[in-house]
């Protein structure tokens, strides 16, 4: 049995066992529906909040990876330049 069906069965039992008048039962059902809607909104808000946090973390990680890649590229270019300069110096010394 689905959760909503189970909840409905419980509410029906409360109505029967509590000998509630139809007006009281209707009020109880409306209150239950309002509470369920509020719970669903809280749940949805929390899921959204967590999704936003995860997206922010992912963006930060991507930025770090991009930054590391740029730093590595810069380091390679610096090394290449230094090697080139050393070769020029060695050629001048021999020549």
C-alpha atoms as a PDB file:
ATOM      1  CA  UNK A   1       0.000   0.000   0.000  1.00  0.00           C
ATOM      2  CA  UNK A   2       1.302   3.425  -0.885  1.00  0.00           C
ATOM      3  CA  UNK A   3       2.077   5.924   1.861  1.00  0.00           C
ATOM      4  CA  UNK A   4      -0.788   8.238   0.905  1.00  0.00           C
ATOM      5  CA  UNK A   5      -3.217   5.323   0.884  1.00  0.00           C
ATOM      6  CA  UNK A   6      -1.993   4.253   4.302  1.00  0.00           C
ATOM      7  CA  UNK A   7      -2.408   7.798   5.622  1.00  0.00           C
ATOM      8  CA  UNK A   8      -5.928   7.969   4.214  1.00  0.00           C
ATOM      9  CA  UNK A   9      -6.820   4.664   5.862  1.00  0.00           C
ATOM     10  CA  UNK A  10      -5.533   5.962   9.208  1.00  0.00           C
ATOM     11  CA  UNK A  11      -7.558   9.144   8.867  1.00  0.00           C
ATOM     12  CA  UNK A  12     -10.658   7.128   7.997  1.00  0.00           C
ATOM     13  CA  UNK A  13     -10.072   4.960  11.089  1.00  0.00           C
ATOM     14  CA  UNK A  14      -9.711   8.056  13.275  1.00  0.00           C
ATOM     15  CA  UNK A  15     -12.961   9.398  11.870  1.00  0.00           C
ATOM     16  CA  UNK A  16     -14.781   6.122  12.554  1.00  0.00           C
ATOM     17  CA  UNK A  17     -13.281   5.299  15.934  1.00  0.00           C
ATOM     18  CA  UNK A  18     -13.434   8.861  17.189  1.00  0.00           C
ATOM     19  CA  UNK A  19     -17.074   9.109  16.192  1.00  0.00           C
ATOM     20  CA  UNK A  20     -16.362  12.429  14.546  1.00  0.00           C
ATOM     21  CA  UNK A  21     -19.079  14.426  12.891  1.00  0.00           C
ATOM     22  CA  UNK A  22     -18.624  15.045   9.174  1.00  0.00           C
ATOM     23  CA  UNK A  23     -17.694  18.675   9.831  1.00  0.00           C
ATOM     24  CA  UNK A  24     -14.998  17.631  12.294  1.00  0.00           C
ATOM     25  CA  UNK A  25     -13.720  14.968   9.911  1.00  0.00           C
ATOM     26  CA  UNK A  26     -13.596  17.493   7.061  1.00  0.00           C
ATOM     27  CA  UNK A  27     -11.679  19.936   9.262  1.00  0.00           C
ATOM     28  CA  UNK A  28      -9.266  17.169  10.249  1.00  0.00           C
ATOM     29  CA  UNK A  29      -8.732  16.237   6.593  1.00  0.00           C
ATOM     30  CA  UNK A  30      -8.123  19.887   5.636  1.00  0.00           C
ATOM     31  CA  UNK A  31      -5.625  20.305   8.472  1.00  0.00           C
ATOM     32  CA  UNK A  32      -3.902  17.129   7.419  1.00  0.00           C
ATOM     33  CA  UNK A  33      -3.729  18.332   3.811  1.00  0.00           C
ATOM     34  CA  UNK A  34      -2.286  21.694   4.939  1.00  0.00           C
ATOM     35  CA  UNK A  35       0.310  19.945   7.088  1.00  0.00           C
ATOM     36  CA  UNK A  36       1.265  17.619   4.250  1.00  0.00           C
ATOM     37  CA  UNK A  37       1.614  20.561   1.848  1.00  0.00           C
ATOM     38  CA  UNK A  38       3.819  22.405   4.344  1.00  0.00           C
ATOM     39  CA  UNK A  39       5.973  19.290   4.811  1.00  0.00           C
ATOM     40  CA  UNK A  40       6.318  18.811   1.056  1.00  0.00           C
ATOM     41  CA  UNK A  41       7.348  22.452   0.648  1.00  0.00           C
ATOM     42  CA  UNK A  42       9.960  22.098   3.405  1.00  0.00           C
ATOM     43  CA  UNK A  43      11.247  18.932   1.776  1.00  0.00           C
ATOM     44  CA  UNK A  44      11.407  20.573  -1.669  1.00  0.00           C
ATOM     45  CA  UNK A  45      13.141  23.642  -0.229  1.00  0.00           C
ATOM     46  CA  UNK A  46      15.746  21.452   1.471  1.00  0.00           C
ATOM     47  CA  UNK A  47      16.370  19.454  -1.698  1.00  0.00           C
ATOM     48  CA  UNK A  48      16.791  22.713  -3.626  1.00  0.00           C
ATOM     49  CA  UNK A  49      19.161  24.092  -0.992  1.00  0.00           C
ATOM     50  CA  UNK A  50      21.280  20.954  -1.082  1.00  0.00           C
ATOM     51  CA  UNK A  51      21.333  20.971  -4.890  1.00  0.00           C
ATOM     52  CA  UNK A  52      22.532  24.596  -4.911  1.00  0.00           C
ATOM     53  CA  UNK A  53      25.277  23.763  -2.397  1.00  0.00           C
ATOM     54  CA  UNK A  54      26.417  20.820  -4.487  1.00  0.00           C
ATOM     55  CA  UNK A  55      26.485  22.962  -7.637  1.00  0.00           C
ATOM     56  CA  UNK A  56      28.564  25.587  -5.824  1.00  0.00           C
ATOM     57  CA  UNK A  57      31.032  22.927  -4.648  1.00  0.00           C
ATOM     58  CA  UNK A  58      31.256  21.530  -8.164  1.00  0.00           C
ATOM     59  CA  UNK A  59      31.950  24.979  -9.617  1.00  0.00           C
ATOM     60  CA  UNK A  60      34.674  25.579  -7.017  1.00  0.00           C
ATOM     61  CA  UNK A  61      36.292  22.246  -7.854  1.00  0.00           C
ATOM     62  CA  UNK A  62      36.137  22.995 -11.569  1.00  0.00           C
ATOM     63  CA  UNK A  63      37.730  26.385 -10.938  1.00  0.00           C
ATOM     64  CA  UNK A  64      40.508  24.737  -8.910  1.00  0.00           C
ATOM     65  CA  UNK A  65      41.154  22.230 -11.679  1.00  0.00           C
ATOM     66  CA  UNK A  66      41.225  25.021 -14.264  1.00  0.00           C
ATOM     67  CA  UNK A  67      43.556  27.022 -12.040  1.00  0.00           C
ATOM     68  CA  UNK A  68      45.856  24.035 -11.579  1.00  0.00           C
ATOM     69  CA  UNK A  69      45.896  23.412 -15.322  1.00  0.00           C
ATOM     70  CA  UNK A  70      46.804  27.056 -15.972  1.00  0.00           C
ATOM     71  CA  UNK A  71      49.535  26.943 -13.340  1.00  0.00           C
ATOM     72  CA  UNK A  72      50.988  23.762 -14.851  1.00  0.00           C
ATOM     73  CA  UNK A  73      50.916  25.298 -18.322  1.00  0.00           C
ATOM     74  CA  UNK A  74      52.613  28.441 -17.035  1.00  0.00           C
ATOM     75  CA  UNK A  75      55.270  26.337 -15.302  1.00  0.00           C
ATOM     76  CA  UNK A  76      55.957  24.416 -18.536  1.00  0.00           C
ATOM     77  CA  UNK A  77      56.244  27.647 -20.512  1.00  0.00           C
ATOM     78  CA  UNK A  78      58.632  29.089 -17.904  1.00  0.00           C
ATOM     79  CA  UNK A  79      60.769  25.940 -17.996  1.00  0.00           C
ATOM     80  CA  UNK A  80      60.857  26.018 -21.809  1.00  0.00           C
ATOM     81  CA  UNK A  81      61.889  29.667 -21.757  1.00  0.00           C
ATOM     82  CA  UNK A  82      64.629  28.996 -19.199  1.00  0.00           C
ATOM     83  CA  UNK A  83      65.964  26.047 -21.231  1.00  0.00           C
ATOM     84  CA  UNK A  84      65.947  28.200 -24.360  1.00  0.00           C
ATOM     85  CA  UNK A  85      67.846  30.969 -22.582  1.00  0.00           C
ATOM     86  CA  UNK A  86      70.396  28.490 -21.236  1.00  0.00           C
ATOM     87  CA  UNK A  87      70.920  27.108 -24.748  1.00  0.00           C
ATOM     88  CA  UNK A  88      71.500  30.629 -26.071  1.00  0.00           C
ATOM     89  CA  UNK A  89      74.020  31.290 -23.301  1.00  0.00           C
ATOM     90  CA  UNK A  90      75.823  27.989 -23.980  1.00  0.00           C
ATOM     91  CA  UNK A  91      76.000  28.737 -27.718  1.00  0.00           C
ATOM     92  CA  UNK A  92      77.454  32.197 -26.992  1.00  0.00           C
ATOM     93  CA  UNK A  93      80.066  30.714 -24.670  1.00  0.00           C
ATOM     94  CA  UNK A  94      81.140  28.171 -27.303  1.00  0.00           C
ATOM     95  CA  UNK A  95      81.098  30.678 -30.121  1.00  0.00           C
END
